[in-house]
Amino acid sequence: MAACLLFESDFIMQKYNTADILAMEQRYRAAFINSLGGFKSGVLVGTADKNGNTNLAIFNSLFHLGANPALCGLIIRPDSVARHTYENILDTGSYTINHIHEGIYKQAHQTSARYDRDRSEFNETGLTEHYENGIVAPFVAESKVRFALEFAECHELKINGTILMIGKIIKVMLPDDCVLPDGFIDIERAGTITVSGLDSYHTTNRLSRLSYAKPDVALTEVS
């Protein structure tokens, strides 16, 4: 059977312009725009201050920035209230990224609660701190894919006051069977889940890996 192509006339499209978006109630607009971009990488960011007080916070703004050097970017909301993650990274230059799986996603979500600085989210959620030599920030022991970063630079974005935090990857830990011969990390095998919006968590089902795209060359599936 031939594939059925859908056109706008085949289903009802609700349309929003700038004025419509600005007129939305604040929390409605936040949910709407946060889910508009599709699935995102939900991770736990582990930090500690110079006194050893630990913090754990869920973020959905992690992104790849480069492989040589190995860099990741993280968007942190404006510093209008206490931002323990941001402050700790500037304080020690160290932070960790920890993938979330089905077994810990509720605890991960709970870290978004606004605990006082002296109440560690590790203790409040029952997640376990794990330390590696030479790295100040704690990892999440229950996470299957985790890596440490060293602070590189940060920039305040003038358009909305958010902060772009850039870190250099200095250590990676993950299950042996998740790294394929070509270097691809099979995060689905590790059970990593994904996030939509601010509060919706999803497991994944890979369709396929495809070959490197070249003009006039048919795509093939990569095992």
N, C-alpha and C. Protein backbone atom coordinates (compact mmCIF):
# COMPACT_ATOMS: atom_id res chain seq x y z
N MET A 1 0.85 -1.19 0.00
CA MET A 1 0.00 0.00 0.00
C MET A 1 0.88 1.24 0.00
N ALA A 2 0.56 2.19 -0.85
CA ALA A 2 1.35 3.42 -0.92
C ALA A 2 1.15 4.25 0.34
N ALA A 3 2.20 4.97 0.72
CA ALA A 3 2.12 5.82 1.91
C ALA A 3 1.09 6.91 1.69
N CYS A 4 0.36 7.20 2.76
CA CYS A 4 -0.67 8.23 2.68
C CYS A 4 -0.07 9.56 3.11
N LEU A 5 -0.07 10.54 2.21
CA LEU A 5 0.46 11.85 2.52
C LEU A 5 -0.63 12.73 3.10
N LEU A 6 -0.35 13.39 4.22
CA LEU A 6 -1.32 14.25 4.86
C LEU A 6 -1.05 15.71 4.49
N PHE A 7 -2.08 16.41 4.18
CA PHE A 7 -1.98 17.82 3.89
C PHE A 7 -2.79 18.59 4.93
N GLU A 8 -2.57 19.91 5.01
CA GLU A 8 -3.24 20.70 6.02
C GLU A 8 -4.76 20.56 5.93
N SER A 9 -5.27 20.36 4.73
CA SER A 9 -6.72 20.23 4.55
C SER A 9 -7.25 18.92 5.10
N ASP A 10 -6.36 17.96 5.42
CA ASP A 10 -6.79 16.66 5.91
C ASP A 10 -7.05 16.64 7.41
N PHE A 11 -6.63 17.66 8.13
CA PHE A 11 -6.88 17.71 9.57
C PHE A 11 -6.94 19.16 10.02
N ILE A 12 -7.51 19.35 11.18
CA ILE A 12 -7.70 20.71 11.69
C ILE A 12 -6.41 21.21 12.33
N MET A 13 -5.94 22.37 11.90
CA MET A 13 -4.73 22.99 12.45
C MET A 13 -5.13 24.20 13.28
N GLN A 14 -4.73 24.21 14.54
CA GLN A 14 -4.90 25.40 15.36
C GLN A 14 -3.67 26.28 15.16
N LYS A 15 -3.87 27.55 14.90
CA LYS A 15 -2.75 28.44 14.60
C LYS A 15 -2.63 29.53 15.67
N TYR A 16 -1.38 29.83 16.05
CA TYR A 16 -1.09 30.84 17.07
C TYR A 16 -0.09 31.84 16.52
N ASN A 17 -0.35 33.11 16.73
CA ASN A 17 0.64 34.13 16.37
C ASN A 17 1.27 34.71 17.64
N THR A 18 2.17 35.67 17.47
CA THR A 18 2.88 36.24 18.62
C THR A 18 1.91 36.80 19.66
N ALA A 19 0.88 37.49 19.21
CA ALA A 19 -0.09 38.08 20.13
C ALA A 19 -0.81 37.00 20.93
N ASP A 20 -1.15 35.90 20.27
CA ASP A 20 -1.82 34.79 20.95
C ASP A 20 -0.94 34.21 22.05
N ILE A 21 0.34 34.04 21.75
CA ILE A 21 1.28 33.47 22.72
C ILE A 21 1.45 34.40 23.91
N LEU A 22 1.58 35.70 23.65
CA LEU A 22 1.75 36.66 24.73
C LEU A 22 0.52 36.76 25.61
N ALA A 23 -0.65 36.46 25.04
CA ALA A 23 -1.90 36.55 25.79
C ALA A 23 -2.16 35.34 26.68
N MET A 24 -1.37 34.29 26.51
CA MET A 24 -1.57 33.08 27.31
C MET A 24 -1.27 33.34 28.79
N GLU A 25 -1.99 32.67 29.67
CA GLU A 25 -1.67 32.70 31.10
C GLU A 25 -0.24 32.20 31.30
N GLN A 26 0.48 32.73 32.27
CA GLN A 26 1.92 32.49 32.40
C GLN A 26 2.30 31.02 32.43
N ARG A 27 1.66 30.23 33.29
CA ARG A 27 2.01 28.82 33.41
C ARG A 27 1.57 28.03 32.17
N TYR A 28 0.44 28.42 31.60
CA TYR A 28 -0.01 27.78 30.36
C TYR A 28 1.00 28.01 29.26
N ARG A 29 1.48 29.26 29.15
CA ARG A 29 2.47 29.60 28.11
C ARG A 29 3.77 28.84 28.34
N ALA A 30 4.20 28.71 29.61
CA ALA A 30 5.44 27.98 29.91
C ALA A 30 5.33 26.53 29.47
N ALA A 31 4.19 25.89 29.78
CA ALA A 31 3.98 24.49 29.38
C ALA A 31 3.92 24.36 27.86
N PHE A 32 3.24 25.29 27.22
CA PHE A 32 3.06 25.28 25.77
C PHE A 32 4.40 25.39 25.05
N ILE A 33 5.20 26.39 25.40
CA ILE A 33 6.47 26.64 24.71
C ILE A 33 7.51 25.58 25.07
N ASN A 34 7.51 25.13 26.32
CA ASN A 34 8.48 24.11 26.73
C ASN A 34 8.27 22.79 26.01
N SER A 35 7.03 22.48 25.65
CA SER A 35 6.77 21.21 24.97
C SER A 35 6.78 21.35 23.44
N LEU A 36 6.81 22.58 22.94
CA LEU A 36 6.75 22.82 21.50
C LEU A 36 7.94 22.26 20.75
N GLY A 37 9.12 22.27 21.37
CA GLY A 37 10.33 21.83 20.69
C GLY A 37 10.48 20.32 20.57
N GLY A 38 9.59 19.57 21.20
CA GLY A 38 9.68 18.11 21.11
C GLY A 38 10.46 17.50 22.25
N PHE A 39 10.89 16.26 22.05
CA PHE A 39 11.61 15.54 23.11
C PHE A 39 12.97 16.15 23.39
N LYS A 40 13.33 16.15 24.68
CA LYS A 40 14.60 16.74 25.10
C LYS A 40 15.35 15.77 26.01
N SER A 41 16.60 16.11 26.26
CA SER A 41 17.45 15.31 27.13
C SER A 41 17.26 15.75 28.58
N GLY A 42 16.60 14.91 29.37
CA GLY A 42 16.43 15.20 30.79
C GLY A 42 17.58 14.58 31.57
N VAL A 43 18.33 15.39 32.33
CA VAL A 43 19.49 14.89 33.06
C VAL A 43 19.51 15.48 34.46
N LEU A 44 20.23 14.81 35.35
CA LEU A 44 20.47 15.33 36.69
C LEU A 44 21.86 15.94 36.74
N VAL A 45 21.95 17.17 37.22
CA VAL A 45 23.23 17.86 37.35
C VAL A 45 23.63 17.85 38.82
N GLY A 46 24.79 17.24 39.10
CA GLY A 46 25.27 17.15 40.46
C GLY A 46 26.37 18.17 40.72
N THR A 47 26.27 18.88 41.84
CA THR A 47 27.29 19.87 42.21
C THR A 47 27.50 19.85 43.72
N ALA A 48 28.55 20.54 44.15
CA ALA A 48 28.81 20.75 45.57
C ALA A 48 29.49 22.10 45.73
N ASP A 49 29.28 22.74 46.88
CA ASP A 49 29.98 23.99 47.12
C ASP A 49 31.32 23.70 47.81
N LYS A 50 32.07 24.73 48.11
CA LYS A 50 33.41 24.54 48.68
C LYS A 50 33.37 23.95 50.09
N ASN A 51 32.19 24.00 50.72
CA ASN A 51 32.04 23.42 52.05
C ASN A 51 31.55 21.98 52.02
N GLY A 52 31.36 21.44 50.80
CA GLY A 52 30.92 20.06 50.66
C GLY A 52 29.43 19.86 50.66
N ASN A 53 28.65 20.94 50.70
CA ASN A 53 27.20 20.82 50.63
C ASN A 53 26.80 20.47 49.21
N THR A 54 26.08 19.37 49.04
CA THR A 54 25.77 18.88 47.70
C THR A 54 24.41 19.36 47.21
N ASN A 55 24.26 19.37 45.89
CA ASN A 55 23.02 19.79 45.25
C ASN A 55 22.79 18.89 44.03
N LEU A 56 21.54 18.62 43.76
CA LEU A 56 21.18 17.81 42.58
C LEU A 56 19.94 18.43 41.95
N ALA A 57 20.00 18.68 40.66
CA ALA A 57 18.89 19.36 39.99
C ALA A 57 18.66 18.78 38.60
N ILE A 58 17.39 18.68 38.23
CA ILE A 58 17.04 18.16 36.90
C ILE A 58 17.04 19.31 35.90
N PHE A 59 17.61 19.05 34.72
CA PHE A 59 17.66 20.02 33.62
C PHE A 59 17.20 19.34 32.34
N ASN A 60 16.56 20.12 31.46
CA ASN A 60 16.19 19.59 30.15
C ASN A 60 16.81 20.42 29.02
N SER A 61 17.92 21.10 29.35
CA SER A 61 18.52 22.02 28.38
C SER A 61 19.95 21.64 28.00
N LEU A 62 20.37 20.41 28.30
CA LEU A 62 21.72 19.98 27.94
C LEU A 62 21.84 19.79 26.43
N PHE A 63 22.96 20.23 25.85
CA PHE A 63 23.16 20.00 24.41
C PHE A 63 24.64 19.82 24.09
N HIS A 64 24.89 19.07 23.03
CA HIS A 64 26.25 18.83 22.52
C HIS A 64 26.77 20.11 21.89
N LEU A 65 28.02 20.46 22.20
CA LEU A 65 28.60 21.68 21.66
C LEU A 65 29.81 21.41 20.79
N GLY A 66 30.46 20.27 20.97
CA GLY A 66 31.62 19.94 20.15
C GLY A 66 32.31 18.70 20.68
N ALA A 67 33.03 18.00 19.78
CA ALA A 67 33.72 16.77 20.17
C ALA A 67 35.22 16.95 20.33
N ASN A 68 35.78 18.02 19.79
CA ASN A 68 37.22 18.25 19.90
C ASN A 68 37.51 19.75 20.04
N PRO A 69 37.58 20.24 21.28
CA PRO A 69 37.47 19.51 22.55
C PRO A 69 36.04 19.07 22.84
N ALA A 70 35.92 18.10 23.75
CA ALA A 70 34.61 17.56 24.10
C ALA A 70 33.88 18.54 25.02
N LEU A 71 32.83 19.16 24.49
CA LEU A 71 32.12 20.21 25.23
C LEU A 71 30.62 19.96 25.25
N CYS A 72 29.98 20.39 26.34
CA CYS A 72 28.53 20.39 26.43
C CYS A 72 28.07 21.76 26.92
N GLY A 73 26.89 22.16 26.47
CA GLY A 73 26.30 23.40 26.93
C GLY A 73 25.08 23.12 27.78
N LEU A 74 24.78 24.03 28.67
CA LEU A 74 23.63 23.90 29.56
C LEU A 74 23.04 25.29 29.73
N ILE A 75 21.74 25.41 29.58
CA ILE A 75 21.08 26.70 29.78
C ILE A 75 20.51 26.75 31.19
N ILE A 76 20.89 27.79 31.92
CA ILE A 76 20.41 27.99 33.29
C ILE A 76 19.53 29.23 33.31
N ARG A 77 18.39 29.13 33.98
CA ARG A 77 17.45 30.24 34.02
C ARG A 77 18.03 31.46 34.74
N PRO A 78 17.44 32.64 34.54
CA PRO A 78 18.01 33.87 35.11
C PRO A 78 18.29 33.76 36.60
N ASP A 79 19.34 34.47 37.02
CA ASP A 79 19.79 34.43 38.41
C ASP A 79 19.00 35.42 39.27
N SER A 80 17.67 35.39 39.14
CA SER A 80 16.81 36.30 39.90
C SER A 80 16.48 35.73 41.28
N VAL A 81 16.62 34.42 41.43
CA VAL A 81 16.47 33.76 42.73
C VAL A 81 17.69 32.88 42.93
N ALA A 82 17.80 32.24 44.08
CA ALA A 82 18.96 31.39 44.37
C ALA A 82 19.05 30.26 43.34
N ARG A 83 20.19 30.15 42.68
CA ARG A 83 20.45 29.09 41.71
C ARG A 83 21.64 28.30 42.22
N HIS A 84 21.38 27.29 43.03
CA HIS A 84 22.45 26.57 43.69
C HIS A 84 23.39 25.89 42.70
N THR A 85 22.84 25.32 41.62
CA THR A 85 23.67 24.67 40.61
C THR A 85 24.66 25.66 40.01
N TYR A 86 24.15 26.78 39.57
CA TYR A 86 24.99 27.83 38.95
C TYR A 86 26.05 28.32 39.92
N GLU A 87 25.64 28.61 41.15
CA GLU A 87 26.57 29.12 42.14
C GLU A 87 27.66 28.10 42.47
N ASN A 88 27.28 26.82 42.58
CA ASN A 88 28.26 25.79 42.91
C ASN A 88 29.27 25.57 41.79
N ILE A 89 28.80 25.64 40.55
CA ILE A 89 29.72 25.47 39.41
C ILE A 89 30.76 26.59 39.40
N LEU A 90 30.31 27.81 39.64
CA LEU A 90 31.24 28.93 39.69
C LEU A 90 32.17 28.81 40.90
N ASP A 91 31.65 28.22 41.97
CA ASP A 91 32.41 28.10 43.22
C ASP A 91 33.54 27.08 43.11
N THR A 92 33.27 25.96 42.44
CA THR A 92 34.25 24.85 42.40
C THR A 92 34.75 24.52 41.01
N GLY A 93 34.02 24.94 39.98
CA GLY A 93 34.41 24.61 38.61
C GLY A 93 34.11 23.18 38.21
N SER A 94 33.30 22.48 39.02
CA SER A 94 33.07 21.05 38.79
C SER A 94 31.57 20.74 38.81
N TYR A 95 31.13 19.90 37.86
CA TYR A 95 29.75 19.41 37.89
C TYR A 95 29.64 18.10 37.11
N THR A 96 28.58 17.36 37.40
CA THR A 96 28.37 16.07 36.73
C THR A 96 27.02 16.05 36.03
N ILE A 97 26.96 15.26 34.96
CA ILE A 97 25.71 15.02 34.24
C ILE A 97 25.36 13.55 34.40
N ASN A 98 24.13 13.27 34.78
CA ASN A 98 23.69 11.90 35.07
C ASN A 98 22.39 11.61 34.35
N HIS A 99 22.40 10.59 33.47
CA HIS A 99 21.19 10.22 32.75
C HIS A 99 20.13 9.66 33.69
N ILE A 100 18.89 9.80 33.28
CA ILE A 100 17.75 9.33 34.07
C ILE A 100 17.15 8.09 33.40
N HIS A 101 16.77 7.10 34.21
CA HIS A 101 16.10 5.91 33.67
C HIS A 101 14.79 5.71 34.44
N GLU A 102 14.03 4.69 34.03
CA GLU A 102 12.71 4.47 34.61
C GLU A 102 12.74 4.30 36.12
N GLY A 103 13.83 3.73 36.63
CA GLY A 103 13.90 3.44 38.06
C GLY A 103 14.04 4.65 38.95
N ILE A 104 14.43 5.80 38.37
CA ILE A 104 14.69 6.97 39.21
C ILE A 104 14.00 8.24 38.71
N TYR A 105 13.09 8.13 37.74
CA TYR A 105 12.58 9.37 37.14
C TYR A 105 11.72 10.18 38.11
N LYS A 106 11.02 9.52 39.03
CA LYS A 106 10.22 10.28 39.99
C LYS A 106 11.11 11.03 40.97
N GLN A 107 12.18 10.37 41.42
CA GLN A 107 13.13 11.07 42.30
C GLN A 107 13.79 12.22 41.56
N ALA A 108 14.11 11.98 40.27
CA ALA A 108 14.72 13.04 39.46
C ALA A 108 13.79 14.25 39.37
N HIS A 109 12.52 13.99 39.13
CA HIS A 109 11.56 15.09 39.02
C HIS A 109 11.46 15.86 40.34
N GLN A 110 11.52 15.16 41.44
CA GLN A 110 11.39 15.80 42.76
C GLN A 110 12.52 16.78 43.03
N THR A 111 13.67 16.61 42.37
CA THR A 111 14.79 17.54 42.59
C THR A 111 14.47 18.94 42.09
N SER A 112 13.39 19.09 41.32
CA SER A 112 13.02 20.42 40.84
C SER A 112 12.36 21.25 41.95
N ALA A 113 12.03 20.61 43.08
CA ALA A 113 11.48 21.36 44.21
C ALA A 113 12.54 22.32 44.76
N ARG A 114 12.10 23.44 45.29
CA ARG A 114 13.03 24.48 45.75
C ARG A 114 13.43 24.24 47.21
N TYR A 115 14.39 23.35 47.39
CA TYR A 115 14.91 23.08 48.73
C TYR A 115 15.91 24.16 49.13
N ASP A 116 15.98 24.43 50.44
CA ASP A 116 17.00 25.33 50.94
C ASP A 116 18.38 24.73 50.70
N ARG A 117 19.41 25.59 50.68
CA ARG A 117 20.76 25.14 50.38
C ARG A 117 21.25 24.04 51.32
N ASP A 118 20.82 24.07 52.57
CA ASP A 118 21.31 23.08 53.53
C ASP A 118 20.55 21.76 53.48
N ARG A 119 19.62 21.62 52.53
CA ARG A 119 18.88 20.37 52.35
C ARG A 119 19.26 19.78 50.99
N SER A 120 20.16 18.82 50.99
CA SER A 120 20.62 18.22 49.74
C SER A 120 19.52 17.40 49.09
N GLU A 121 19.36 17.59 47.79
CA GLU A 121 18.38 16.80 47.04
C GLU A 121 18.72 15.31 47.04
N PHE A 122 19.99 14.96 47.21
CA PHE A 122 20.36 13.56 47.34
C PHE A 122 19.64 12.96 48.54
N ASN A 123 19.71 13.64 49.67
CA ASN A 123 19.07 13.14 50.88
C ASN A 123 17.55 13.18 50.77
N GLU A 124 17.04 14.24 50.19
CA GLU A 124 15.59 14.42 50.11
C GLU A 124 14.92 13.41 49.18
N THR A 125 15.64 12.92 48.18
CA THR A 125 15.04 12.01 47.20
C THR A 125 15.50 10.56 47.35
N GLY A 126 16.48 10.33 48.20
CA GLY A 126 16.97 8.97 48.40
C GLY A 126 17.97 8.51 47.35
N LEU A 127 18.45 9.43 46.53
CA LEU A 127 19.50 9.08 45.55
C LEU A 127 20.86 9.12 46.25
N THR A 128 21.83 8.42 45.68
CA THR A 128 23.11 8.19 46.36
C THR A 128 24.24 8.96 45.70
N GLU A 129 25.02 9.65 46.52
CA GLU A 129 26.20 10.35 46.03
C GLU A 129 27.31 9.35 45.72
N HIS A 130 28.00 9.57 44.60
CA HIS A 130 29.16 8.76 44.25
C HIS A 130 30.28 9.71 43.83
N TYR A 131 31.49 9.45 44.34
CA TYR A 131 32.61 10.35 44.06
C TYR A 131 33.72 9.61 43.33
N GLU A 132 34.41 10.34 42.47
CA GLU A 132 35.58 9.85 41.76
C GLU A 132 36.77 10.74 42.12
N ASN A 133 37.95 10.14 42.19
CA ASN A 133 39.15 10.88 42.56
C ASN A 133 39.36 12.09 41.65
N GLY A 134 39.63 13.23 42.27
CA GLY A 134 39.94 14.42 41.51
C GLY A 134 38.73 15.20 41.04
N ILE A 135 37.52 14.72 41.33
CA ILE A 135 36.31 15.41 40.90
C ILE A 135 35.51 15.81 42.13
N VAL A 136 35.32 17.10 42.29
CA VAL A 136 34.64 17.62 43.48
C VAL A 136 33.15 17.28 43.48
N ALA A 137 32.52 17.40 42.35
CA ALA A 137 31.07 17.22 42.27
C ALA A 137 30.67 15.75 42.39
N PRO A 138 29.52 15.48 43.01
CA PRO A 138 29.05 14.11 43.16
C PRO A 138 28.31 13.61 41.91
N PHE A 139 28.50 12.33 41.61
CA PHE A 139 27.69 11.65 40.60
C PHE A 139 26.46 11.05 41.29
N VAL A 140 25.50 10.61 40.49
CA VAL A 140 24.36 9.86 41.01
C VAL A 140 24.67 8.38 40.81
N ALA A 141 24.84 7.65 41.91
CA ALA A 141 25.24 6.25 41.82
C ALA A 141 24.23 5.41 41.05
N GLU A 142 22.96 5.76 41.13
CA GLU A 142 21.92 4.98 40.45
C GLU A 142 21.86 5.22 38.95
N SER A 143 22.51 6.27 38.47
CA SER A 143 22.50 6.58 37.04
C SER A 143 23.44 5.64 36.29
N LYS A 144 23.03 5.20 35.11
CA LYS A 144 23.84 4.26 34.34
C LYS A 144 24.80 4.94 33.36
N VAL A 145 24.48 6.15 32.96
CA VAL A 145 25.36 6.91 32.07
C VAL A 145 25.63 8.24 32.76
N ARG A 146 26.90 8.51 33.06
CA ARG A 146 27.25 9.72 33.81
C ARG A 146 28.60 10.25 33.35
N PHE A 147 28.76 11.56 33.40
CA PHE A 147 30.05 12.13 33.04
C PHE A 147 30.27 13.43 33.81
N ALA A 148 31.56 13.74 33.98
CA ALA A 148 31.95 14.92 34.73
C ALA A 148 32.43 16.01 33.79
N LEU A 149 32.15 17.24 34.17
CA LEU A 149 32.58 18.39 33.39
C LEU A 149 33.37 19.37 34.24
N GLU A 150 34.26 20.05 33.57
CA GLU A 150 35.05 21.12 34.18
C GLU A 150 34.57 22.43 33.57
N PHE A 151 34.25 23.39 34.41
CA PHE A 151 33.75 24.68 33.93
C PHE A 151 34.72 25.30 32.92
N ALA A 152 34.19 25.74 31.78
CA ALA A 152 35.02 26.38 30.76
C ALA A 152 34.70 27.86 30.65
N GLU A 153 33.43 28.19 30.43
CA GLU A 153 33.02 29.59 30.34
C GLU A 153 31.51 29.68 30.44
N CYS A 154 31.02 30.87 30.73
CA CYS A 154 29.57 31.08 30.74
C CYS A 154 29.26 32.46 30.16
N HIS A 155 28.05 32.58 29.62
CA HIS A 155 27.65 33.82 28.97
C HIS A 155 26.20 34.11 29.31
N GLU A 156 25.91 35.33 29.70
CA GLU A 156 24.52 35.74 29.91
C GLU A 156 23.93 36.14 28.57
N LEU A 157 22.79 35.57 28.24
CA LEU A 157 22.11 35.89 26.98
C LEU A 157 21.22 37.11 27.20
N LYS A 158 21.51 38.18 26.52
CA LYS A 158 20.82 39.44 26.76
C LYS A 158 19.34 39.39 26.46
N ILE A 159 18.94 38.49 25.56
CA ILE A 159 17.55 38.49 25.12
C ILE A 159 16.58 38.12 26.23
N ASN A 160 17.02 37.26 27.19
CA ASN A 160 16.11 36.89 28.28
C ASN A 160 16.81 36.65 29.62
N GLY A 161 18.10 36.94 29.69
CA GLY A 161 18.81 36.82 30.95
C GLY A 161 19.23 35.42 31.33
N THR A 162 18.95 34.43 30.49
CA THR A 162 19.39 33.07 30.80
C THR A 162 20.91 32.98 30.65
N ILE A 163 21.47 31.95 31.25
CA ILE A 163 22.93 31.80 31.27
C ILE A 163 23.33 30.55 30.50
N LEU A 164 24.23 30.70 29.55
CA LEU A 164 24.79 29.58 28.81
C LEU A 164 26.05 29.13 29.55
N MET A 165 25.99 27.93 30.12
CA MET A 165 27.12 27.35 30.84
C MET A 165 27.81 26.34 29.92
N ILE A 166 29.11 26.48 29.71
CA ILE A 166 29.86 25.57 28.85
C ILE A 166 30.87 24.81 29.68
N GLY A 167 30.87 23.49 29.52
CA GLY A 167 31.78 22.66 30.29
C GLY A 167 32.56 21.70 29.41
N LYS A 168 33.78 21.38 29.85
CA LYS A 168 34.64 20.42 29.15
C LYS A 168 34.47 19.05 29.80
N ILE A 169 34.19 18.04 29.00
CA ILE A 169 34.00 16.68 29.52
C ILE A 169 35.36 16.10 29.91
N ILE A 170 35.48 15.67 31.17
CA ILE A 170 36.77 15.17 31.64
C ILE A 170 36.72 13.71 32.10
N LYS A 171 35.53 13.15 32.29
CA LYS A 171 35.44 11.74 32.66
C LYS A 171 34.06 11.23 32.30
N VAL A 172 34.02 9.99 31.76
CA VAL A 172 32.76 9.37 31.35
C VAL A 172 32.68 7.98 31.97
N MET A 173 31.50 7.62 32.46
CA MET A 173 31.26 6.28 32.99
C MET A 173 29.93 5.76 32.45
N LEU A 174 29.95 4.54 31.91
CA LEU A 174 28.75 3.93 31.36
C LEU A 174 28.97 2.43 31.19
N PRO A 175 27.90 1.65 31.04
CA PRO A 175 28.05 0.20 30.89
C PRO A 175 28.85 -0.18 29.64
N ASP A 176 29.67 -1.22 29.76
CA ASP A 176 30.52 -1.66 28.64
C ASP A 176 29.72 -1.98 27.39
N ASP A 177 28.55 -2.62 27.57
CA ASP A 177 27.80 -3.08 26.40
C ASP A 177 27.02 -1.97 25.71
N CYS A 178 27.16 -0.74 26.18
CA CYS A 178 26.44 0.38 25.57
C CYS A 178 27.27 1.13 24.53
N VAL A 179 28.57 0.81 24.45
CA VAL A 179 29.43 1.48 23.47
C VAL A 179 29.64 0.53 22.29
N LEU A 180 29.13 0.90 21.12
CA LEU A 180 29.21 0.05 19.94
C LEU A 180 30.58 0.22 19.26
N PRO A 181 30.94 -0.70 18.36
CA PRO A 181 32.27 -0.67 17.74
C PRO A 181 32.64 0.64 17.06
N ASP A 182 31.65 1.39 16.56
CA ASP A 182 31.96 2.64 15.87
C ASP A 182 31.96 3.85 16.81
N GLY A 183 31.82 3.59 18.12
CA GLY A 183 31.84 4.68 19.10
C GLY A 183 30.46 5.18 19.49
N PHE A 184 29.43 4.76 18.80
CA PHE A 184 28.07 5.18 19.11
C PHE A 184 27.65 4.64 20.48
N ILE A 185 27.10 5.51 21.31
CA ILE A 185 26.62 5.08 22.63
C ILE A 185 25.14 4.76 22.53
N ASP A 186 24.81 3.52 22.82
CA ASP A 186 23.42 3.06 22.74
C ASP A 186 22.74 3.39 24.07
N ILE A 187 22.25 4.61 24.20
CA ILE A 187 21.64 5.03 25.46
C ILE A 187 20.31 4.33 25.71
N GLU A 188 19.69 3.83 24.65
CA GLU A 188 18.45 3.07 24.82
C GLU A 188 18.73 1.77 25.57
N ARG A 189 19.86 1.15 25.27
CA ARG A 189 20.26 -0.07 25.96
C ARG A 189 20.51 0.20 27.44
N ALA A 190 20.96 1.41 27.74
CA ALA A 190 21.20 1.79 29.14
C ALA A 190 19.92 2.19 29.85
N GLY A 191 18.82 2.28 29.10
CA GLY A 191 17.54 2.62 29.71
C GLY A 191 17.29 4.10 29.86
N THR A 192 18.11 4.93 29.23
CA THR A 192 17.92 6.38 29.32
C THR A 192 16.56 6.77 28.77
N ILE A 193 15.87 7.63 29.51
CA ILE A 193 14.56 8.10 29.06
C ILE A 193 14.67 9.55 28.61
N THR A 194 13.58 10.08 28.07
CA THR A 194 13.58 11.44 27.55
C THR A 194 12.44 12.24 28.17
N VAL A 195 12.45 13.54 27.93
CA VAL A 195 11.50 14.45 28.57
C VAL A 195 10.79 15.29 27.52
N SER A 196 9.51 15.56 27.76
CA SER A 196 8.75 16.49 26.94
C SER A 196 8.16 17.54 27.87
N GLY A 197 8.35 18.80 27.52
CA GLY A 197 7.84 19.85 28.39
C GLY A 197 8.58 19.87 29.71
N LEU A 198 7.85 20.16 30.78
CA LEU A 198 8.45 20.29 32.10
C LEU A 198 8.20 19.08 33.00
N ASP A 199 7.29 18.19 32.60
CA ASP A 199 6.88 17.16 33.55
C ASP A 199 6.45 15.83 32.93
N SER A 200 6.74 15.63 31.64
CA SER A 200 6.32 14.41 30.95
C SER A 200 7.55 13.57 30.59
N TYR A 201 7.57 12.32 31.04
CA TYR A 201 8.73 11.44 30.88
C TYR A 201 8.38 10.29 29.95
N HIS A 202 9.33 9.90 29.07
CA HIS A 202 9.04 8.93 28.03
C HIS A 202 10.18 7.94 27.84
N THR A 203 9.82 6.67 27.63
CA THR A 203 10.80 5.70 27.18
C THR A 203 10.86 5.80 25.66
N THR A 204 11.89 5.21 25.04
CA THR A 204 12.08 5.35 23.60
C THR A 204 12.08 4.00 22.90
N ASN A 205 11.85 4.04 21.60
CA ASN A 205 11.87 2.84 20.77
C ASN A 205 12.52 3.22 19.44
N ARG A 206 13.79 2.82 19.25
CA ARG A 206 14.52 3.23 18.07
C ARG A 206 13.88 2.69 16.79
N LEU A 207 13.79 3.54 15.78
CA LEU A 207 13.35 3.10 14.46
C LEU A 207 14.52 2.43 13.73
N SER A 208 15.65 3.15 13.63
CA SER A 208 16.86 2.59 13.03
C SER A 208 17.98 3.62 13.12
N ARG A 209 19.22 3.16 12.90
CA ARG A 209 20.35 4.05 12.66
C ARG A 209 20.60 4.05 11.17
N LEU A 210 20.85 5.22 10.61
CA LEU A 210 21.02 5.33 9.17
C LEU A 210 22.45 5.70 8.81
N SER A 211 22.85 5.30 7.63
CA SER A 211 24.20 5.58 7.14
C SER A 211 24.41 7.07 6.93
N TYR A 212 25.69 7.47 6.82
CA TYR A 212 26.05 8.86 6.56
C TYR A 212 25.43 9.31 5.24
N ALA A 213 24.70 10.41 5.27
CA ALA A 213 23.98 10.87 4.08
C ALA A 213 24.93 11.51 3.07
N LYS A 214 24.86 11.06 1.80
CA LYS A 214 25.63 11.63 0.70
C LYS A 214 24.72 11.85 -0.49
N PRO A 215 24.99 12.85 -1.31
CA PRO A 215 24.16 13.08 -2.49
C PRO A 215 24.16 11.84 -3.41
N ASP A 216 22.99 11.48 -3.89
CA ASP A 216 22.84 10.40 -4.88
C ASP A 216 23.27 9.03 -4.39
N VAL A 217 23.34 8.85 -3.08
CA VAL A 217 23.67 7.54 -2.51
C VAL A 217 22.52 7.11 -1.61
N ALA A 218 22.00 5.91 -1.86
CA ALA A 218 20.87 5.42 -1.09
C ALA A 218 21.27 5.18 0.37
N LEU A 219 20.40 5.54 1.28
CA LEU A 219 20.64 5.30 2.69
C LEU A 219 20.55 3.82 3.00
N THR A 220 21.36 3.38 3.95
CA THR A 220 21.27 2.01 4.45
C THR A 220 21.15 2.06 5.96
N GLU A 221 20.67 0.98 6.54
CA GLU A 221 20.55 0.92 7.99
C GLU A 221 21.88 0.43 8.59
N VAL A 222 22.27 1.07 9.68
CA VAL A 222 23.51 0.74 10.36
C VAL A 222 23.18 -0.16 11.54
N SER A 223 23.88 -1.26 11.66
CA SER A 223 23.60 -2.19 12.76
C SER A 223 24.25 -1.70 14.04
